[in-house]
Amino acid sequence: MAERLAGKAVADAMKEELSQKVAAIKAKGITPKLGIIRVGARPDDLFYEGGAKKTCESIGMEYQVFEYPADIDQAAFEKAVIEVGANKAVNGILMFAPLPKQLDEKKIRSLIPVEKDVDCMTIGSAAKVYTDDPTGFPPCTPTACMDILKFYDIPLKGKKAVVLGRSQVVGKPVAMLLLRENATVTICHSRTDNLPAVCADADVLIAAVGRAKMVKANFVKPGQVVIDVGINEDPDNPGKYCGDVDYAEVEPIVAKITPVPGGVGSVTTVVLCKQTIQACEMQNGLA
């Protein structure tokens, strides 16, 4: 039976550390603040927003939700985003995407100040991540993967890490973060030849392809560590969620595995707060 890499233990330890950091910053007369920009009221956005607000409250951080109607036009929304970016009290900005079709998302993302871009929405932030600039914030989900690996003392130096998925949101940035830890990284995707064999060769497999239960027993091997980033509707259990990994098939084989739910997703909102606190420190000369 594999060791279950539960996200709650990671999140709880991070919250304790962040609470102390927020208290120290507050003692200097500054309170870190997250600005949440939301257009409309999509259920998944509201769910994530609720988790972010709860995490902020638990560590003593402030937050403010900037909510706009789903039919807002381009000019009005650009003005709104610029105003949030210029708000000196807001240290980090989370903007929910995708935006409604009438909005030019690429243009709007570019209006978020890089120093407040705590979920890597802008090209400027991505450039910092890919050039190992420590003042750039990687997306929260890949950072959560790394925090889980660190918490459970999983060695990466010299190890073979395979990333299944090449998205800008998870696959590519998590590959960069693994390289920073001196792992030997392979990025694969749906067109990779002998995909199961490539995945099974990994010491650490990060599944971030967005396909329910795609990773089967032939994708893994004994001794392997599996980080499942996927969150999909479970085709076998309507109304429930599953990862990109077929947990029932894979768990008896590998050494360690994250569950879904209760794994990577449990850590992402804490990462969002952590990066907002780091932004606050940098903006106020405390870093």
Protein backbone atom coordinates (compact mmCIF):
# COMPACT_ATOMS: atom_id res chain seq x y z
CA MET A 1 0.00 0.00 0.00
CA ALA A 2 1.36 3.41 -1.00
CA GLU A 3 1.99 6.24 1.44
CA ARG A 4 -0.81 8.77 0.97
CA LEU A 5 0.62 12.27 0.48
CA ALA A 6 -2.27 14.21 1.99
CA GLY A 7 -2.40 17.92 1.22
CA LYS A 8 -3.98 18.90 4.56
CA ALA A 9 -0.83 18.21 6.56
CA VAL A 10 1.18 20.36 4.13
CA ALA A 11 -1.39 23.16 4.19
CA ASP A 12 -1.63 23.14 8.01
CA ALA A 13 2.16 23.42 8.42
CA MET A 14 2.32 26.23 5.85
CA LYS A 15 -0.55 28.12 7.51
CA GLU A 16 1.20 28.00 10.88
CA GLU A 17 4.36 29.46 9.35
CA LEU A 18 2.45 32.09 7.37
CA SER A 19 0.45 33.18 10.44
CA GLN A 20 3.71 34.01 12.20
CA LYS A 21 4.97 35.89 9.15
CA VAL A 22 1.75 37.92 8.84
CA ALA A 23 1.93 38.80 12.55
CA ALA A 24 5.52 40.03 12.10
CA ILE A 25 4.51 42.17 9.09
CA LYS A 26 1.50 43.56 10.95
CA ALA A 27 3.82 44.58 13.80
CA LYS A 28 5.42 46.96 11.28
CA GLY A 29 2.03 48.55 10.55
CA ILE A 30 1.39 46.69 7.27
CA THR A 31 -1.24 44.03 6.53
CA PRO A 32 -0.80 41.80 3.45
CA LYS A 33 -3.87 41.93 1.22
CA LEU A 34 -5.11 39.79 -1.67
CA GLY A 35 -7.31 41.31 -4.37
CA ILE A 36 -9.64 38.84 -6.09
CA ILE A 37 -10.99 39.92 -9.49
CA ARG A 38 -14.06 37.98 -10.60
CA VAL A 39 -16.35 38.50 -13.61
CA GLY A 40 -19.75 36.87 -13.18
CA ALA A 41 -20.36 34.05 -10.70
CA ARG A 42 -19.21 30.73 -12.12
CA PRO A 43 -19.57 27.95 -9.52
CA ASP A 44 -15.93 26.83 -9.83
CA ASP A 45 -14.71 30.42 -9.35
CA LEU A 46 -16.93 30.86 -6.30
CA PHE A 47 -15.68 27.57 -4.85
CA TYR A 48 -12.02 28.57 -5.21
CA GLU A 49 -12.77 32.09 -3.97
CA GLY A 50 -14.38 30.68 -0.84
CA GLY A 51 -11.28 28.61 -0.11
CA ALA A 52 -8.99 31.59 -0.66
CA LYS A 53 -11.04 33.81 1.67
CA LYS A 54 -11.07 31.14 4.36
CA THR A 55 -7.30 30.69 4.10
CA CYS A 56 -6.70 34.46 4.30
CA GLU A 57 -8.85 34.66 7.44
CA SER A 58 -7.07 31.72 9.06
CA ILE A 59 -3.65 33.37 8.83
CA GLY A 60 -4.70 36.97 9.55
CA MET A 61 -4.41 38.30 6.00
CA GLU A 62 -6.87 40.69 4.39
CA TYR A 63 -8.69 40.20 1.09
CA GLN A 64 -11.07 42.15 -1.11
CA VAL A 65 -13.28 40.77 -3.86
CA PHE A 66 -13.69 42.98 -6.92
CA GLU A 67 -16.79 41.56 -8.60
CA TYR A 68 -18.02 42.65 -12.05
CA PRO A 69 -21.08 41.67 -14.12
CA ALA A 70 -20.67 38.90 -16.69
CA ASP A 71 -21.63 41.31 -19.49
CA ILE A 72 -19.05 44.01 -18.65
CA ASP A 73 -17.45 45.52 -21.75
CA GLN A 74 -13.74 45.68 -22.60
CA ALA A 75 -13.17 49.38 -21.82
CA ALA A 76 -14.93 49.24 -18.45
CA PHE A 77 -13.10 46.08 -17.39
CA GLU A 78 -9.69 47.39 -18.48
CA LYS A 79 -10.32 50.50 -16.36
CA ALA A 80 -11.33 48.31 -13.41
CA VAL A 81 -8.24 46.08 -13.62
CA ILE A 82 -5.94 49.11 -13.86
CA GLU A 83 -7.59 50.57 -10.75
CA VAL A 84 -7.13 47.36 -8.75
CA GLY A 85 -3.50 47.17 -9.89
CA ALA A 86 -2.89 50.75 -8.74
CA ASN A 87 -4.49 50.15 -5.34
CA LYS A 88 -1.56 50.43 -2.90
CA ALA A 89 -3.36 48.37 -0.25
CA VAL A 90 -3.56 45.34 -2.60
CA ASN A 91 -0.32 43.33 -2.66
CA GLY A 92 -1.36 40.34 -4.75
CA ILE A 93 -3.98 39.89 -7.47
CA LEU A 94 -5.88 36.75 -8.41
CA MET A 95 -8.03 37.10 -11.54
CA PHE A 96 -10.33 34.23 -12.42
CA ALA A 97 -10.06 32.93 -15.98
CA PRO A 98 -11.26 32.20 -18.56
CA LEU A 99 -13.01 35.54 -18.93
CA PRO A 100 -16.31 35.92 -20.84
CA LYS A 101 -15.97 35.80 -24.63
CA GLN A 102 -16.55 39.54 -25.16
CA LEU A 103 -13.33 40.35 -23.29
CA ASP A 104 -9.80 40.27 -24.75
CA GLU A 105 -8.19 38.16 -22.05
CA LYS A 106 -4.64 38.49 -23.37
CA LYS A 107 -4.87 42.29 -23.24
CA ILE A 108 -6.44 42.30 -19.79
CA ARG A 109 -3.86 39.93 -18.31
CA SER A 110 -1.16 42.36 -19.46
CA LEU A 111 -2.69 45.08 -17.26
CA ILE A 112 -1.92 43.23 -14.02
CA PRO A 113 1.31 44.62 -12.48
CA VAL A 114 3.98 41.91 -12.52
CA GLU A 115 4.93 42.63 -8.90
CA LYS A 116 1.32 41.81 -7.87
CA ASP A 117 0.83 38.87 -10.24
CA VAL A 118 0.81 36.08 -7.65
CA ASP A 119 -0.63 33.38 -9.96
CA CYS A 120 1.54 33.97 -13.06
CA MET A 121 -1.16 35.51 -15.28
CA THR A 122 1.20 37.76 -17.25
CA ILE A 123 3.95 37.16 -19.79
CA GLY A 124 6.28 39.17 -17.54
CA SER A 125 5.75 36.75 -14.67
CA ALA A 126 6.21 33.74 -16.93
CA ALA A 127 9.49 35.21 -18.20
CA LYS A 128 10.74 35.52 -14.62
CA VAL A 129 9.82 31.92 -13.87
CA TYR A 130 11.54 30.60 -17.00
CA THR A 131 14.69 32.66 -16.33
CA ASP A 132 14.88 31.66 -12.64
CA ASP A 133 14.27 35.21 -11.45
CA PRO A 134 13.22 34.84 -7.78
CA THR A 135 11.04 37.96 -7.96
CA GLY A 136 8.61 36.16 -10.30
CA PHE A 137 5.72 34.11 -8.95
CA PRO A 138 5.04 30.71 -10.56
CA PRO A 139 1.43 29.55 -10.90
CA CYS A 140 0.04 28.35 -7.57
CA THR A 141 -0.69 24.75 -8.60
CA PRO A 142 2.86 23.84 -9.73
CA THR A 143 4.21 25.54 -6.61
CA ALA A 144 1.83 23.42 -4.51
CA CYS A 145 3.29 20.27 -6.14
CA MET A 146 6.77 21.38 -5.10
CA ASP A 147 5.65 22.23 -1.56
CA ILE A 148 4.18 18.73 -1.20
CA LEU A 149 7.41 17.10 -2.41
CA LYS A 150 9.42 19.24 0.00
CA PHE A 151 7.14 18.59 2.99
CA TYR A 152 7.36 14.82 2.53
CA ASP A 153 11.15 14.94 2.03
CA ILE A 154 11.06 13.44 -1.45
CA PRO A 155 14.52 13.81 -3.04
CA LEU A 156 14.68 15.39 -6.50
CA LYS A 157 18.38 16.01 -7.10
CA GLY A 158 19.52 13.75 -9.94
CA LYS A 159 16.16 11.93 -10.05
CA LYS A 160 14.12 11.28 -13.20
CA ALA A 161 10.98 13.43 -13.11
CA VAL A 162 8.33 12.97 -15.79
CA VAL A 163 5.66 15.62 -16.27
CA LEU A 164 2.59 14.37 -18.12
CA GLY A 165 1.06 17.51 -19.64
CA ARG A 166 2.49 20.62 -21.27
CA SER A 167 0.07 23.41 -20.33
CA GLN A 168 1.25 26.91 -19.44
CA VAL A 169 -0.67 26.60 -16.18
CA VAL A 170 0.92 23.41 -14.79
CA GLY A 171 3.03 21.26 -17.12
CA LYS A 172 5.63 23.73 -18.36
CA PRO A 173 6.09 25.71 -15.13
CA VAL A 174 6.31 22.63 -12.91
CA ALA A 175 9.05 21.32 -15.24
CA MET A 176 10.99 24.56 -14.63
CA LEU A 177 10.55 24.24 -10.85
CA LEU A 178 11.76 20.63 -10.95
CA LEU A 179 14.83 21.71 -12.92
CA ARG A 180 15.59 24.27 -10.19
CA GLU A 181 15.82 21.32 -7.79
CA ASN A 182 18.25 19.55 -10.14
CA ALA A 183 15.87 16.83 -11.29
CA THR A 184 16.29 15.41 -14.79
CA VAL A 185 13.00 16.35 -16.42
CA THR A 186 11.01 14.87 -19.30
CA ILE A 187 7.80 16.54 -20.47
CA CYS A 188 5.36 14.23 -22.23
CA HIS A 189 1.97 14.65 -23.82
CA SER A 190 -0.67 12.81 -25.84
CA ARG A 191 1.63 12.47 -28.86
CA THR A 192 4.62 11.05 -26.98
CA ASP A 193 5.73 7.68 -28.37
CA ASN A 194 5.49 4.80 -25.89
CA LEU A 195 3.86 7.12 -23.35
CA PRO A 196 3.20 4.49 -20.63
CA ALA A 197 6.83 3.32 -20.78
CA VAL A 198 8.18 6.87 -20.53
CA CYS A 199 5.99 7.57 -17.49
CA ALA A 200 6.91 4.23 -15.88
CA ASP A 201 10.60 5.12 -16.12
CA ALA A 202 10.17 8.08 -13.75
CA ASP A 203 11.21 8.31 -10.13
CA VAL A 204 8.63 11.09 -9.75
CA LEU A 205 5.58 11.30 -12.03
CA ILE A 206 3.48 14.47 -12.11
CA ALA A 207 0.18 13.90 -13.91
CA ALA A 208 -1.31 17.14 -15.21
CA VAL A 209 -3.03 16.22 -18.45
CA GLY A 210 -6.68 16.87 -17.56
CA ARG A 211 -8.04 13.43 -18.50
CA ALA A 212 -9.88 11.38 -15.91
CA LYS A 213 -8.06 8.21 -14.81
CA MET A 214 -5.71 8.26 -17.81
CA VAL A 215 -2.71 7.00 -15.82
CA LYS A 216 -3.18 3.25 -15.44
CA ALA A 217 -1.08 0.49 -13.89
CA ASN A 218 1.19 0.28 -16.97
CA PHE A 219 2.22 3.95 -16.48
CA VAL A 220 3.88 3.33 -13.11
CA LYS A 221 6.36 1.12 -11.30
CA PRO A 222 7.17 0.08 -7.71
CA GLY A 223 9.03 2.73 -5.72
CA GLN A 224 7.61 5.61 -7.74
CA VAL A 225 6.19 8.86 -6.35
CA VAL A 226 3.01 10.06 -8.11
CA ILE A 227 1.66 13.61 -7.83
CA ASP A 228 -1.84 13.83 -9.34
CA VAL A 229 -2.77 17.39 -10.33
CA GLY A 230 -5.95 16.46 -12.19
CA ILE A 231 -9.44 17.32 -11.00
CA ASN A 232 -12.07 15.78 -13.26
CA GLU A 233 -15.63 14.58 -13.02
CA ASP A 234 -15.42 10.89 -12.19
CA PRO A 235 -16.87 8.94 -15.15
CA ASP A 236 -17.58 5.97 -12.87
CA ASN A 237 -19.16 7.94 -10.00
CA PRO A 238 -21.46 10.76 -11.15
CA GLY A 239 -21.26 13.84 -8.94
CA LYS A 240 -17.81 12.92 -7.61
CA TYR A 241 -14.31 13.94 -8.68
CA CYS A 242 -11.19 12.03 -9.61
CA GLY A 243 -7.68 12.80 -10.77
CA ASP A 244 -5.73 12.04 -13.93
CA VAL A 245 -4.52 8.88 -12.18
CA ASP A 246 -6.63 5.74 -11.78
CA TYR A 247 -6.03 5.62 -8.04
CA ALA A 248 -7.45 2.13 -7.54
CA GLU A 249 -5.07 0.66 -10.15
CA VAL A 250 -1.97 2.70 -9.33
CA GLU A 251 -1.99 2.97 -5.53
CA PRO A 252 -1.13 -0.70 -4.86
CA ILE A 253 1.97 -0.44 -7.08
CA VAL A 254 3.69 2.87 -6.27
CA ALA A 255 5.48 4.00 -3.10
CA LYS A 256 3.75 7.37 -2.57
CA ILE A 257 0.74 9.09 -4.16
CA THR A 258 -1.43 12.17 -3.69
CA PRO A 259 -5.18 11.59 -3.43
CA VAL A 260 -7.87 13.47 -5.39
CA PRO A 261 -9.56 15.25 -3.76
CA GLY A 262 -7.39 16.05 -0.73
CA GLY A 263 -4.02 16.37 -2.43
CA VAL A 264 -2.57 19.17 -4.54
CA GLY A 265 -5.79 21.20 -4.53
CA SER A 266 -5.69 21.45 -0.73
CA VAL A 267 -2.41 23.36 -0.92
CA THR A 268 -3.04 25.80 -3.80
CA THR A 269 -4.93 28.50 -1.86
CA VAL A 270 -2.23 28.47 0.83
CA VAL A 271 0.37 29.01 -1.92
CA LEU A 272 -1.71 31.94 -3.19
CA CYS A 273 -1.52 33.52 0.27
CA LYS A 274 2.17 32.68 0.63
CA GLN A 275 3.00 34.44 -2.63
CA THR A 276 0.85 37.45 -1.71
CA ILE A 277 2.81 37.76 1.54
CA GLN A 278 6.09 37.54 -0.40
CA ALA A 279 4.81 40.25 -2.76
CA CYS A 280 3.91 42.42 0.23
CA GLU A 281 7.41 41.98 1.66
CA MET A 282 9.04 42.92 -1.64
CA GLN A 283 6.77 45.94 -2.18
CA ASN A 284 7.56 47.24 1.31
CA GLY A 285 11.30 46.52 1.36
CA LEU A 286 10.92 43.71 3.92
CA ALA A 287 12.19 40.84 1.76
